[in-house]
């Protein structure tokens, strides 16, 4: 997976793959590769969302721990 890949770029590519599959514009010869790439992108996006959620929760916890 590209180390410079952003969530937005991965999501956009995933949407493109979904459109190709839905409109049947992907040949049978490349279908498996596109599905594999989609799976990788989904895993990447899920990991980014989990990491972001954990970071936000950490920030909120730090804010709650600080006295006013």
N, C-alpha and C. Protein backbone atom coordinates (compact mmCIF):
# COMPACT_ATOMS: atom_id res chain seq x y z
N UNK A 1 0.86 -1.18 0.00
CA UNK A 1 0.00 0.00 0.00
C UNK A 1 0.89 1.24 0.00
N UNK A 2 0.51 2.22 -0.76
CA UNK A 2 1.25 3.48 -0.89
C UNK A 2 1.35 4.17 0.47
N UNK A 3 2.56 4.51 0.90
CA UNK A 3 2.74 5.13 2.21
C UNK A 3 2.26 6.57 2.22
N UNK A 4 2.09 7.20 1.06
CA UNK A 4 1.60 8.57 0.98
C UNK A 4 0.10 8.64 0.74
N UNK A 5 -0.57 7.52 0.76
CA UNK A 5 -2.00 7.47 0.50
C UNK A 5 -2.76 8.15 1.63
N UNK A 6 -3.70 9.00 1.25
CA UNK A 6 -4.55 9.65 2.23
C UNK A 6 -5.90 8.94 2.27
N UNK A 7 -6.64 9.20 3.33
CA UNK A 7 -7.98 8.62 3.44
C UNK A 7 -8.84 9.06 2.26
N UNK A 8 -8.77 10.35 1.95
CA UNK A 8 -9.59 10.89 0.87
C UNK A 8 -9.26 10.25 -0.48
N UNK A 9 -7.97 10.08 -0.76
CA UNK A 9 -7.56 9.46 -2.02
C UNK A 9 -8.00 8.00 -2.07
N UNK A 10 -7.86 7.30 -0.95
CA UNK A 10 -8.27 5.89 -0.90
C UNK A 10 -9.77 5.77 -1.09
N UNK A 11 -10.52 6.64 -0.45
CA UNK A 11 -11.98 6.61 -0.56
C UNK A 11 -12.41 6.91 -1.99
N UNK A 12 -11.76 7.89 -2.62
CA UNK A 12 -12.08 8.24 -3.99
C UNK A 12 -11.80 7.07 -4.94
N UNK A 13 -10.65 6.42 -4.75
CA UNK A 13 -10.31 5.27 -5.58
C UNK A 13 -11.30 4.13 -5.36
N UNK A 14 -11.69 3.93 -4.12
CA UNK A 14 -12.67 2.89 -3.79
C UNK A 14 -14.01 3.17 -4.47
N UNK A 15 -14.44 4.43 -4.47
CA UNK A 15 -15.68 4.80 -5.16
C UNK A 15 -15.57 4.51 -6.65
N UNK A 16 -14.41 4.80 -7.25
CA UNK A 16 -14.21 4.55 -8.68
C UNK A 16 -14.29 3.06 -8.98
N UNK A 17 -13.67 2.26 -8.15
CA UNK A 17 -13.72 0.80 -8.34
C UNK A 17 -15.16 0.32 -8.23
N UNK A 18 -15.89 0.82 -7.25
CA UNK A 18 -17.29 0.42 -7.07
C UNK A 18 -18.11 0.78 -8.30
N UNK A 19 -17.90 2.00 -8.85
CA UNK A 19 -18.63 2.41 -10.06
C UNK A 19 -18.30 1.48 -11.23
N UNK A 20 -17.01 1.15 -11.38
CA UNK A 20 -16.61 0.26 -12.47
C UNK A 20 -17.28 -1.10 -12.36
N UNK A 21 -17.33 -1.62 -11.15
CA UNK A 21 -17.93 -2.94 -10.94
C UNK A 21 -19.45 -2.87 -11.14
N UNK A 22 -20.08 -1.83 -10.59
CA UNK A 22 -21.53 -1.69 -10.72
C UNK A 22 -21.97 -1.52 -12.17
N UNK A 23 -21.20 -0.81 -12.95
CA UNK A 23 -21.57 -0.57 -14.35
C UNK A 23 -21.01 -1.64 -15.27
N UNK A 24 -20.37 -2.62 -14.68
CA UNK A 24 -19.79 -3.74 -15.42
C UNK A 24 -18.80 -3.29 -16.47
N UNK A 25 -18.07 -2.19 -16.18
CA UNK A 25 -17.07 -1.71 -17.12
C UNK A 25 -15.70 -2.33 -16.86
N UNK A 26 -15.62 -3.22 -15.89
CA UNK A 26 -14.37 -3.93 -15.59
C UNK A 26 -14.43 -5.28 -16.30
N UNK A 27 -13.39 -5.58 -17.04
CA UNK A 27 -13.37 -6.87 -17.73
C UNK A 27 -13.17 -7.99 -16.72
N UNK A 28 -13.60 -9.14 -17.09
CA UNK A 28 -13.45 -10.31 -16.23
C UNK A 28 -11.98 -10.57 -15.93
N UNK A 29 -11.13 -10.23 -16.86
CA UNK A 29 -9.69 -10.47 -16.69
C UNK A 29 -9.08 -9.65 -15.57
N UNK A 30 -9.64 -8.48 -15.26
CA UNK A 30 -9.07 -7.62 -14.23
C UNK A 30 -9.97 -7.51 -13.00
N UNK A 31 -11.11 -8.17 -13.02
CA UNK A 31 -12.06 -8.07 -11.92
C UNK A 31 -11.44 -8.49 -10.59
N UNK A 32 -10.75 -9.60 -10.55
CA UNK A 32 -10.16 -10.08 -9.30
C UNK A 32 -9.15 -9.08 -8.75
N UNK A 33 -8.35 -8.47 -9.62
CA UNK A 33 -7.37 -7.49 -9.17
C UNK A 33 -8.06 -6.25 -8.61
N UNK A 34 -9.15 -5.83 -9.22
CA UNK A 34 -9.89 -4.65 -8.74
C UNK A 34 -10.55 -4.95 -7.39
N UNK A 35 -11.09 -6.14 -7.23
CA UNK A 35 -11.70 -6.52 -5.96
C UNK A 35 -10.63 -6.60 -4.87
N UNK A 36 -9.47 -7.13 -5.20
CA UNK A 36 -8.37 -7.19 -4.24
C UNK A 36 -7.95 -5.79 -3.82
N UNK A 37 -7.81 -4.88 -4.78
CA UNK A 37 -7.44 -3.50 -4.48
C UNK A 37 -8.51 -2.85 -3.60
N UNK A 38 -9.77 -3.09 -3.91
CA UNK A 38 -10.86 -2.55 -3.10
C UNK A 38 -10.76 -3.04 -1.67
N UNK A 39 -10.44 -4.31 -1.49
CA UNK A 39 -10.28 -4.88 -0.16
C UNK A 39 -9.15 -4.19 0.60
N UNK A 40 -8.03 -3.94 -0.09
CA UNK A 40 -6.91 -3.25 0.54
C UNK A 40 -7.29 -1.83 0.94
N UNK A 41 -8.03 -1.16 0.07
CA UNK A 41 -8.44 0.22 0.35
C UNK A 41 -9.42 0.27 1.53
N UNK A 42 -10.32 -0.68 1.59
CA UNK A 42 -11.26 -0.75 2.71
C UNK A 42 -10.50 -0.94 4.02
N UNK A 43 -9.54 -1.84 4.03
CA UNK A 43 -8.74 -2.07 5.24
C UNK A 43 -7.98 -0.81 5.63
N UNK A 44 -7.41 -0.13 4.65
CA UNK A 44 -6.68 1.12 4.91
C UNK A 44 -7.61 2.16 5.52
N UNK A 45 -8.78 2.35 4.92
CA UNK A 45 -9.73 3.35 5.42
C UNK A 45 -10.20 3.01 6.83
N UNK A 46 -10.49 1.75 7.08
CA UNK A 46 -10.91 1.35 8.42
C UNK A 46 -9.82 1.63 9.44
N UNK A 47 -8.59 1.33 9.10
CA UNK A 47 -7.47 1.58 10.02
C UNK A 47 -7.31 3.07 10.28
N UNK A 48 -7.43 3.89 9.25
CA UNK A 48 -7.32 5.35 9.43
C UNK A 48 -8.44 5.87 10.31
N UNK A 49 -9.65 5.37 10.11
CA UNK A 49 -10.78 5.81 10.94
C UNK A 49 -10.58 5.40 12.40
N UNK A 50 -10.11 4.18 12.63
CA UNK A 50 -9.86 3.73 14.00
C UNK A 50 -8.77 4.58 14.66
N UNK A 51 -7.71 4.87 13.92
CA UNK A 51 -6.62 5.68 14.46
C UNK A 51 -7.09 7.09 14.78
N UNK A 52 -7.88 7.65 13.89
CA UNK A 52 -8.41 9.00 14.12
C UNK A 52 -9.35 9.02 15.31
N UNK A 53 -10.19 8.01 15.41
CA UNK A 53 -11.11 7.93 16.56
C UNK A 53 -10.33 7.85 17.87
N UNK A 54 -9.28 7.04 17.90
CA UNK A 54 -8.47 6.91 19.11
C UNK A 54 -7.79 8.23 19.44
N UNK A 55 -7.29 8.92 18.44
CA UNK A 55 -6.62 10.20 18.66
C UNK A 55 -7.60 11.24 19.20
N UNK A 56 -8.79 11.30 18.63
CA UNK A 56 -9.81 12.25 19.11
C UNK A 56 -10.21 11.91 20.54
N UNK A 57 -10.41 10.64 20.84
CA UNK A 57 -10.75 10.25 22.20
C UNK A 57 -9.65 10.63 23.18
N UNK A 58 -8.40 10.48 22.77
CA UNK A 58 -7.27 10.85 23.60
C UNK A 58 -7.26 12.36 23.87
N UNK A 59 -7.51 13.14 22.84
CA UNK A 59 -7.55 14.59 22.99
C UNK A 59 -8.68 15.00 23.93
N UNK A 60 -9.83 14.40 23.75
CA UNK A 60 -10.98 14.71 24.62
C UNK A 60 -10.66 14.35 26.06
N UNK A 61 -10.04 13.19 26.26
CA UNK A 61 -9.68 12.75 27.61
C UNK A 61 -8.69 13.73 28.24
N UNK A 62 -7.71 14.19 27.47
CA UNK A 62 -6.75 15.17 27.99
C UNK A 62 -7.44 16.47 28.36
N UNK A 63 -8.40 16.87 27.57
CA UNK A 63 -9.13 18.11 27.88
C UNK A 63 -9.95 17.98 29.15
N UNK A 64 -10.54 16.79 29.34
CA UNK A 64 -11.35 16.55 30.54
C UNK A 64 -10.49 16.45 31.79
N UNK A 65 -9.25 15.99 31.63
CA UNK A 65 -8.35 15.82 32.76
C UNK A 65 -7.74 17.16 33.22
N UNK A 66 -7.73 18.15 32.37
CA UNK A 66 -7.14 19.44 32.72
C UNK A 66 -8.13 20.25 33.56
N UNK A 67 -7.65 20.78 34.69
CA UNK A 67 -8.55 21.62 35.50
C UNK A 67 -8.77 22.96 34.79
N UNK A 68 -9.93 23.51 34.97
CA UNK A 68 -10.26 24.80 34.37
C UNK A 68 -9.71 25.95 35.11
